[in-house]
N, C-alpha and C. Protein backbone atom coordinates (compact mmCIF):
# COMPACT_ATOMS: atom_id res chain seq x y z
N GLN A 1 107.83 106.28 108.56
CA GLN A 1 106.91 107.10 107.73
C GLN A 1 107.19 106.47 106.13
N PRO A 2 106.26 106.36 105.61
CA PRO A 2 106.26 105.82 104.22
C PRO A 2 106.75 106.46 103.11
N PHE A 3 106.75 107.81 103.28
CA PHE A 3 107.20 108.69 102.45
C PHE A 3 108.45 109.67 102.85
N LEU A 4 109.32 109.77 102.04
CA LEU A 4 110.64 110.41 102.41
C LEU A 4 110.37 111.99 102.97
N ASP A 5 109.33 112.48 102.52
CA ASP A 5 109.14 113.87 103.20
C ASP A 5 108.47 113.68 104.39
N GLY A 6 108.31 112.62 105.02
CA GLY A 6 107.71 112.45 106.21
C GLY A 6 106.18 112.72 106.43
N ASN A 7 105.49 112.63 105.52
CA ASN A 7 104.12 113.20 105.31
C ASN A 7 103.20 112.05 105.79
N LYS A 8 102.99 111.98 107.07
CA LYS A 8 102.25 110.76 107.68
C LYS A 8 100.76 110.89 107.35
N ARG A 9 100.30 112.28 107.27
CA ARG A 9 98.89 112.43 107.01
C ARG A 9 98.58 111.84 105.58
N THR A 10 99.41 112.10 104.65
CA THR A 10 99.10 111.50 103.43
C THR A 10 99.16 109.84 103.29
N ALA A 11 99.90 109.36 104.18
CA ALA A 11 99.82 107.88 104.23
C ALA A 11 98.69 107.39 104.90
N ARG A 12 98.27 108.01 105.95
CA ARG A 12 97.04 107.80 106.95
C ARG A 12 95.92 107.91 106.08
N LEU A 13 95.79 108.92 105.01
CA LEU A 13 94.84 109.13 104.33
C LEU A 13 94.66 108.09 103.43
N LEU A 14 95.69 107.70 102.77
CA LEU A 14 95.61 106.59 101.77
C LEU A 14 94.96 105.41 102.34
N GLN A 15 95.65 104.98 103.58
CA GLN A 15 95.34 103.69 104.18
C GLN A 15 93.81 103.86 104.59
N ASP A 16 93.32 104.95 105.08
CA ASP A 16 92.02 104.92 105.51
C ASP A 16 90.98 105.05 104.25
N GLY A 17 91.41 105.57 103.38
CA GLY A 17 90.61 105.54 101.97
C GLY A 17 90.44 104.18 101.49
N LEU A 18 91.38 103.37 101.59
CA LEU A 18 91.50 102.00 101.07
C LEU A 18 90.24 101.27 101.95
N LEU A 19 90.57 101.54 103.32
CA LEU A 19 89.65 100.79 104.29
C LEU A 19 88.15 101.26 103.88
N PHE A 20 87.77 102.71 103.60
CA PHE A 20 86.71 103.13 103.41
C PHE A 20 86.09 102.51 102.30
N ASP A 21 86.84 102.37 101.18
CA ASP A 21 86.36 101.73 99.89
C ASP A 21 85.77 100.42 99.96
N TYR A 22 86.18 99.81 101.27
CA TYR A 22 85.74 98.38 101.48
C TYR A 22 84.86 98.27 102.70
N LEU A 23 84.37 99.50 102.98
CA LEU A 23 83.36 99.72 104.08
C LEU A 23 83.70 99.24 105.42
N ILE A 24 85.06 99.49 105.53
CA ILE A 24 85.73 99.11 106.89
C ILE A 24 86.03 100.33 107.66
N PRO A 25 85.80 100.49 108.95
CA PRO A 25 86.17 101.64 109.77
C PRO A 25 87.68 101.82 109.68
N PRO A 26 88.16 103.19 109.92
CA PRO A 26 89.66 103.41 110.03
C PRO A 26 90.27 102.70 111.11
N ALA A 27 91.41 102.55 110.92
CA ALA A 27 92.37 101.89 112.10
C ALA A 27 92.85 103.01 112.75
N ILE A 28 92.58 103.09 114.14
CA ILE A 28 92.86 103.98 115.14
C ILE A 28 94.17 103.65 115.76
N ILE A 29 95.37 104.28 115.25
CA ILE A 29 96.59 104.15 115.97
C ILE A 29 96.82 105.19 117.12
N PRO A 30 97.07 104.88 118.34
CA PRO A 30 97.11 105.49 119.66
C PRO A 30 98.47 106.28 119.27
N THR A 31 98.55 107.36 119.70
CA THR A 31 99.83 108.19 119.52
C THR A 31 101.06 107.52 120.21
N GLY A 32 100.88 106.87 121.33
CA GLY A 32 101.89 105.91 122.05
C GLY A 32 102.41 104.72 121.30
N GLU A 33 101.67 104.41 120.28
CA GLU A 33 102.00 103.14 119.44
C GLU A 33 102.68 103.71 118.06
N ARG A 34 103.04 104.94 117.97
CA ARG A 34 103.63 105.27 116.66
C ARG A 34 104.70 104.71 116.36
N ASP A 35 105.91 104.31 117.32
CA ASP A 35 106.93 103.66 116.84
C ASP A 35 106.66 102.20 116.37
N ILE A 36 105.90 101.39 117.11
CA ILE A 36 105.34 100.04 116.60
C ILE A 36 104.77 100.36 114.99
N TYR A 37 104.01 101.09 114.98
CA TYR A 37 103.30 101.37 113.61
C TYR A 37 104.58 101.62 112.55
N VAL A 38 105.32 102.67 112.89
CA VAL A 38 106.32 102.96 111.80
C VAL A 38 107.22 101.80 111.44
N THR A 39 107.51 101.14 112.63
CA THR A 39 108.66 99.97 112.36
C THR A 39 107.90 98.88 111.58
N LEU A 40 106.62 98.41 111.89
CA LEU A 40 105.95 97.49 111.06
C LEU A 40 105.86 97.97 109.61
N LEU A 41 105.29 99.21 109.42
CA LEU A 41 105.23 99.57 108.20
C LEU A 41 106.45 99.80 107.29
N SER A 42 107.53 100.11 108.13
CA SER A 42 108.73 100.31 107.18
C SER A 42 109.18 98.84 106.90
N ARG A 43 109.14 97.96 107.61
CA ARG A 43 109.57 96.46 107.35
C ARG A 43 108.49 95.99 106.11
N ALA A 44 107.32 96.32 106.05
CA ALA A 44 106.59 95.96 105.02
C ALA A 44 106.80 96.46 103.72
N LEU A 45 107.30 97.64 103.80
CA LEU A 45 107.66 98.47 102.54
C LEU A 45 108.91 98.26 101.97
N LEU A 46 109.72 97.73 102.95
CA LEU A 46 111.07 97.46 102.42
C LEU A 46 111.28 96.36 101.42
N ASN A 47 110.43 95.27 101.65
CA ASN A 47 110.34 94.17 100.84
C ASN A 47 108.92 93.82 100.63
N PRO A 48 108.05 94.46 99.77
CA PRO A 48 106.84 94.17 99.49
C PRO A 48 106.26 92.99 98.67
N ALA A 49 107.22 92.33 98.22
CA ALA A 49 107.11 90.93 97.72
C ALA A 49 107.10 89.83 98.65
N ASN A 50 107.75 90.03 99.81
CA ASN A 50 107.74 89.07 100.78
C ASN A 50 106.52 89.31 101.84
N ILE A 51 105.75 88.14 101.82
CA ILE A 51 104.51 88.06 102.62
C ILE A 51 104.82 88.18 103.99
N LEU A 52 105.79 87.49 104.33
CA LEU A 52 106.37 87.39 105.93
C LEU A 52 106.58 88.70 106.43
N ASP A 53 107.28 89.63 105.55
CA ASP A 53 107.48 91.05 106.02
C ASP A 53 106.26 91.76 106.06
N GLN A 54 105.34 91.67 105.42
CA GLN A 54 104.05 92.38 105.44
C GLN A 54 102.99 91.98 106.51
N ARG A 55 102.98 90.46 106.84
CA ARG A 55 102.07 89.94 107.71
C ARG A 55 101.89 90.72 109.01
N PRO A 56 103.16 90.96 109.60
CA PRO A 56 102.94 91.68 111.10
C PRO A 56 102.15 93.12 110.86
N PHE A 57 102.49 93.87 110.00
CA PHE A 57 101.87 95.13 109.59
C PHE A 57 100.12 94.85 109.45
N CYS A 58 99.98 93.85 108.77
CA CYS A 58 98.54 93.69 108.29
C CYS A 58 97.85 93.07 109.66
N ASP A 59 98.52 92.17 110.39
CA ASP A 59 97.87 91.90 111.53
C ASP A 59 97.65 93.22 112.63
N TYR A 60 98.55 93.96 112.71
CA TYR A 60 98.57 95.02 113.56
C TYR A 60 97.43 95.93 113.14
N ILE A 61 97.22 96.30 111.73
CA ILE A 61 96.21 96.99 111.42
C ILE A 61 94.83 96.46 111.48
N GLY A 62 94.78 95.02 111.09
CA GLY A 62 93.68 94.25 111.38
C GLY A 62 93.19 94.47 112.92
N GLY A 63 94.01 94.30 114.00
CA GLY A 63 93.56 94.47 115.28
C GLY A 63 93.02 95.86 115.58
N LYS A 64 93.77 96.73 115.00
CA LYS A 64 93.32 98.18 115.20
C LYS A 64 91.66 98.57 114.46
N VAL A 65 91.60 97.84 113.46
CA VAL A 65 90.33 97.95 112.86
C VAL A 65 89.16 97.02 113.68
N ASN A 66 89.61 95.88 114.13
CA ASN A 66 88.75 95.29 114.92
C ASN A 66 88.38 95.90 116.41
N ALA A 67 89.36 96.78 116.73
CA ALA A 67 88.95 97.61 117.96
C ALA A 67 88.00 98.53 117.76
N ALA A 68 88.35 99.14 116.54
CA ALA A 68 87.24 100.23 116.07
C ALA A 68 85.82 99.68 115.90
N LEU A 69 85.73 98.47 115.44
CA LEU A 69 84.46 97.75 115.22
C LEU A 69 84.04 97.38 116.59
N ASP A 70 84.60 97.13 117.54
CA ASP A 70 84.21 96.68 118.80
C ASP A 70 83.63 97.97 119.49
N GLU A 71 84.17 99.10 119.31
CA GLU A 71 83.68 100.27 119.84
C GLU A 71 82.38 100.82 119.19
N ILE A 72 82.27 100.61 117.79
CA ILE A 72 80.90 100.88 117.17
C ILE A 72 79.89 99.93 117.46
N ILE A 73 80.13 98.67 117.95
CA ILE A 73 79.29 97.64 118.19
C ILE A 73 78.78 97.96 119.72
N GLN A 74 79.60 98.36 120.43
CA GLN A 74 79.42 98.69 121.81
C GLN A 74 78.24 99.94 121.81
N ASP A 75 78.74 100.93 120.89
CA ASP A 75 77.79 102.11 120.72
C ASP A 75 76.45 101.75 120.47
N ILE A 76 76.51 100.82 119.48
CA ILE A 76 74.95 100.44 119.01
C ILE A 76 74.12 99.76 120.19
N TYR A 77 74.84 98.87 121.07
CA TYR A 77 74.07 98.15 121.77
C TYR A 77 74.00 98.73 123.24
N VAL A 78 74.47 100.00 123.52
CA VAL A 78 74.30 100.71 124.73
C VAL A 78 72.69 101.07 124.98
N VAL A 79 72.41 100.84 125.94
CA VAL A 79 70.92 101.06 126.34
C VAL A 79 70.69 102.07 127.33
């Protein structure tokens, strides 16, 4: 969790707000992937100046955004 008080909702709100500002759908993180999400996020936050530590988190979130876009596109083309 990015905040010491364990406030995951605030972190997700900030993340989704940033995505929304760029007209990108929210990244949907399944409950079963919580440990992966927290591990990648923690690694990225420990050394924010090192792009190599941030890249895995960005790739993970990018994959979740792509999955959300796939669902939106599928909904559009359902006949």
